[in-house]
Amino acid sequence: MRHRKREASSYFGLMFSALTAVVAVIALIAALAAIFEKRKKEEEELERYLDGSIQ
């Protein structure tokens, strides 16, 4: 009986760990996307500023 409890417990632990890993990867991707989007926006603003100051 104890062996089955241990199996179920390790199955749920494994599923919880896998779910946590997936959530961490999704959070990493979202953070990187936000960083790159911010960098792109800053570069575009700088380019507009430079174009305006040249004219």
N, C-alpha and C. Protein backbone atom coordinates (compact mmCIF):
# COMPACT_ATOMS: atom_id res chain seq x y z
N MET A 1 0.82 -1.19 0.00
CA MET A 1 0.00 0.00 0.00
C MET A 1 0.87 1.26 0.00
N ARG A 2 1.92 1.26 0.79
CA ARG A 2 2.78 2.43 0.85
C ARG A 2 3.49 2.67 -0.48
N HIS A 3 3.79 1.61 -1.18
CA HIS A 3 4.47 1.75 -2.47
C HIS A 3 3.60 2.53 -3.46
N ARG A 4 2.30 2.26 -3.46
CA ARG A 4 1.39 2.97 -4.37
C ARG A 4 1.29 4.45 -4.00
N LYS A 5 1.27 4.77 -2.71
CA LYS A 5 1.23 6.16 -2.30
C LYS A 5 2.49 6.88 -2.77
N ARG A 6 3.61 6.21 -2.64
CA ARG A 6 4.87 6.80 -3.05
C ARG A 6 4.88 7.03 -4.56
N GLU A 7 4.32 6.09 -5.34
CA GLU A 7 4.24 6.24 -6.79
C GLU A 7 3.37 7.42 -7.16
N ALA A 8 2.20 7.54 -6.54
CA ALA A 8 1.29 8.64 -6.84
C ALA A 8 1.92 9.96 -6.44
N SER A 9 2.57 9.98 -5.30
CA SER A 9 3.21 11.20 -4.84
C SER A 9 4.33 11.63 -5.78
N SER A 10 5.12 10.68 -6.25
CA SER A 10 6.19 11.07 -7.15
C SER A 10 5.66 11.43 -8.53
N TYR A 11 4.54 10.86 -8.95
CA TYR A 11 3.92 11.24 -10.22
C TYR A 11 3.43 12.69 -10.14
N PHE A 12 2.74 13.03 -9.06
CA PHE A 12 2.25 14.40 -8.91
C PHE A 12 3.40 15.39 -8.75
N GLY A 13 4.44 14.96 -8.06
CA GLY A 13 5.62 15.81 -7.92
C GLY A 13 6.28 16.06 -9.25
N LEU A 14 6.35 15.04 -10.07
CA LEU A 14 6.94 15.17 -11.40
C LEU A 14 6.08 16.08 -12.28
N MET A 15 4.77 15.91 -12.22
CA MET A 15 3.87 16.77 -13.01
C MET A 15 3.96 18.22 -12.54
N PHE A 16 4.03 18.44 -11.23
CA PHE A 16 4.16 19.79 -10.70
C PHE A 16 5.47 20.41 -11.15
N SER A 17 6.54 19.65 -11.13
CA SER A 17 7.84 20.15 -11.57
C SER A 17 7.84 20.49 -13.05
N ALA A 18 7.22 19.65 -13.85
CA ALA A 18 7.15 19.89 -15.29
C ALA A 18 6.32 21.14 -15.57
N LEU A 19 5.20 21.30 -14.88
CA LEU A 19 4.36 22.48 -15.05
C LEU A 19 5.11 23.74 -14.64
N THR A 20 5.84 23.66 -13.54
CA THR A 20 6.63 24.80 -13.08
C THR A 20 7.70 25.17 -14.10
N ALA A 21 8.33 24.19 -14.69
CA ALA A 21 9.35 24.45 -15.71
C ALA A 21 8.74 25.12 -16.93
N VAL A 22 7.57 24.66 -17.36
CA VAL A 22 6.90 25.26 -18.52
C VAL A 22 6.54 26.71 -18.22
N VAL A 23 6.01 26.98 -17.03
CA VAL A 23 5.65 28.35 -16.66
C VAL A 23 6.90 29.23 -16.62
N ALA A 24 8.01 28.71 -16.12
CA ALA A 24 9.25 29.48 -16.07
C ALA A 24 9.75 29.82 -17.48
N VAL A 25 9.66 28.88 -18.40
CA VAL A 25 10.08 29.13 -19.78
C VAL A 25 9.19 30.17 -20.43
N ILE A 26 7.89 30.09 -20.20
CA ILE A 26 6.97 31.07 -20.77
C ILE A 26 7.25 32.46 -20.20
N ALA A 27 7.53 32.54 -18.91
CA ALA A 27 7.85 33.83 -18.29
C ALA A 27 9.14 34.40 -18.86
N LEU A 28 10.13 33.54 -19.10
CA LEU A 28 11.39 33.98 -19.68
C LEU A 28 11.18 34.53 -21.09
N ILE A 29 10.39 33.84 -21.88
CA ILE A 29 10.11 34.28 -23.24
C ILE A 29 9.38 35.63 -23.22
N ALA A 30 8.42 35.78 -22.32
CA ALA A 30 7.68 37.04 -22.22
C ALA A 30 8.60 38.18 -21.80
N ALA A 31 9.49 37.92 -20.86
CA ALA A 31 10.42 38.96 -20.41
C ALA A 31 11.38 39.36 -21.53
N LEU A 32 11.90 38.39 -22.25
CA LEU A 32 12.80 38.70 -23.36
C LEU A 32 12.08 39.49 -24.45
N ALA A 33 10.85 39.11 -24.74
CA ALA A 33 10.08 39.84 -25.75
C ALA A 33 9.86 41.28 -25.32
N ALA A 34 9.57 41.50 -24.05
CA ALA A 34 9.35 42.86 -23.54
C ALA A 34 10.64 43.67 -23.62
N ILE A 35 11.76 43.07 -23.29
CA ILE A 35 13.05 43.77 -23.35
C ILE A 35 13.37 44.16 -24.78
N PHE A 36 13.22 43.24 -25.72
CA PHE A 36 13.54 43.53 -27.12
C PHE A 36 12.58 44.56 -27.70
N GLU A 37 11.31 44.51 -27.29
CA GLU A 37 10.34 45.50 -27.77
C GLU A 37 10.70 46.89 -27.24
N LYS A 38 11.09 46.96 -25.99
CA LYS A 38 11.48 48.25 -25.41
C LYS A 38 12.71 48.80 -26.12
N ARG A 39 13.68 47.94 -26.37
CA ARG A 39 14.90 48.37 -27.05
C ARG A 39 14.58 48.87 -28.46
N LYS A 40 13.69 48.18 -29.16
CA LYS A 40 13.31 48.58 -30.51
C LYS A 40 12.62 49.94 -30.48
N LYS A 41 11.73 50.12 -29.51
CA LYS A 41 11.01 51.39 -29.38
C LYS A 41 11.99 52.53 -29.09
N GLU A 42 12.95 52.30 -28.22
CA GLU A 42 13.94 53.34 -27.90
C GLU A 42 14.78 53.70 -29.12
N GLU A 43 15.16 52.70 -29.91
CA GLU A 43 15.93 52.96 -31.12
C GLU A 43 15.12 53.78 -32.13
N GLU A 44 13.84 53.46 -32.26
CA GLU A 44 12.98 54.21 -33.17
C GLU A 44 12.82 55.66 -32.71
N GLU A 45 12.67 55.88 -31.41
CA GLU A 45 12.55 57.24 -30.88
C GLU A 45 13.84 58.02 -31.11
N LEU A 46 14.98 57.38 -30.90
CA LEU A 46 16.26 58.04 -31.13
C LEU A 46 16.42 58.40 -32.60
N GLU A 47 16.02 57.49 -33.47
CA GLU A 47 16.12 57.76 -34.91
C GLU A 47 15.23 58.94 -35.31
N ARG A 48 14.00 58.99 -34.78
CA ARG A 48 13.12 60.13 -35.07
C ARG A 48 13.71 61.43 -34.54
N TYR A 49 14.28 61.37 -33.35
CA TYR A 49 14.89 62.57 -32.77
C TYR A 49 16.05 63.06 -33.64
N LEU A 50 16.92 62.13 -34.04
CA LEU A 50 18.06 62.50 -34.86
C LEU A 50 17.62 63.04 -36.22
N ASP A 51 16.60 62.40 -36.83
CA ASP A 51 16.08 62.90 -38.11
C ASP A 51 15.51 64.30 -37.95
N GLY A 52 14.83 64.56 -36.86
CA GLY A 52 14.25 65.86 -36.61
C GLY A 52 15.31 66.92 -36.34
N SER A 53 16.36 66.53 -35.67
CA SER A 53 17.39 67.52 -35.34
C SER A 53 18.27 67.84 -36.55
N ILE A 54 18.36 66.92 -37.51
CA ILE A 54 19.15 67.16 -38.72
C ILE A 54 18.42 68.15 -39.61
N GLN A 55 17.11 68.05 -39.68
CA GLN A 55 16.32 68.91 -40.58
C GLN A 55 16.10 70.23 -39.97
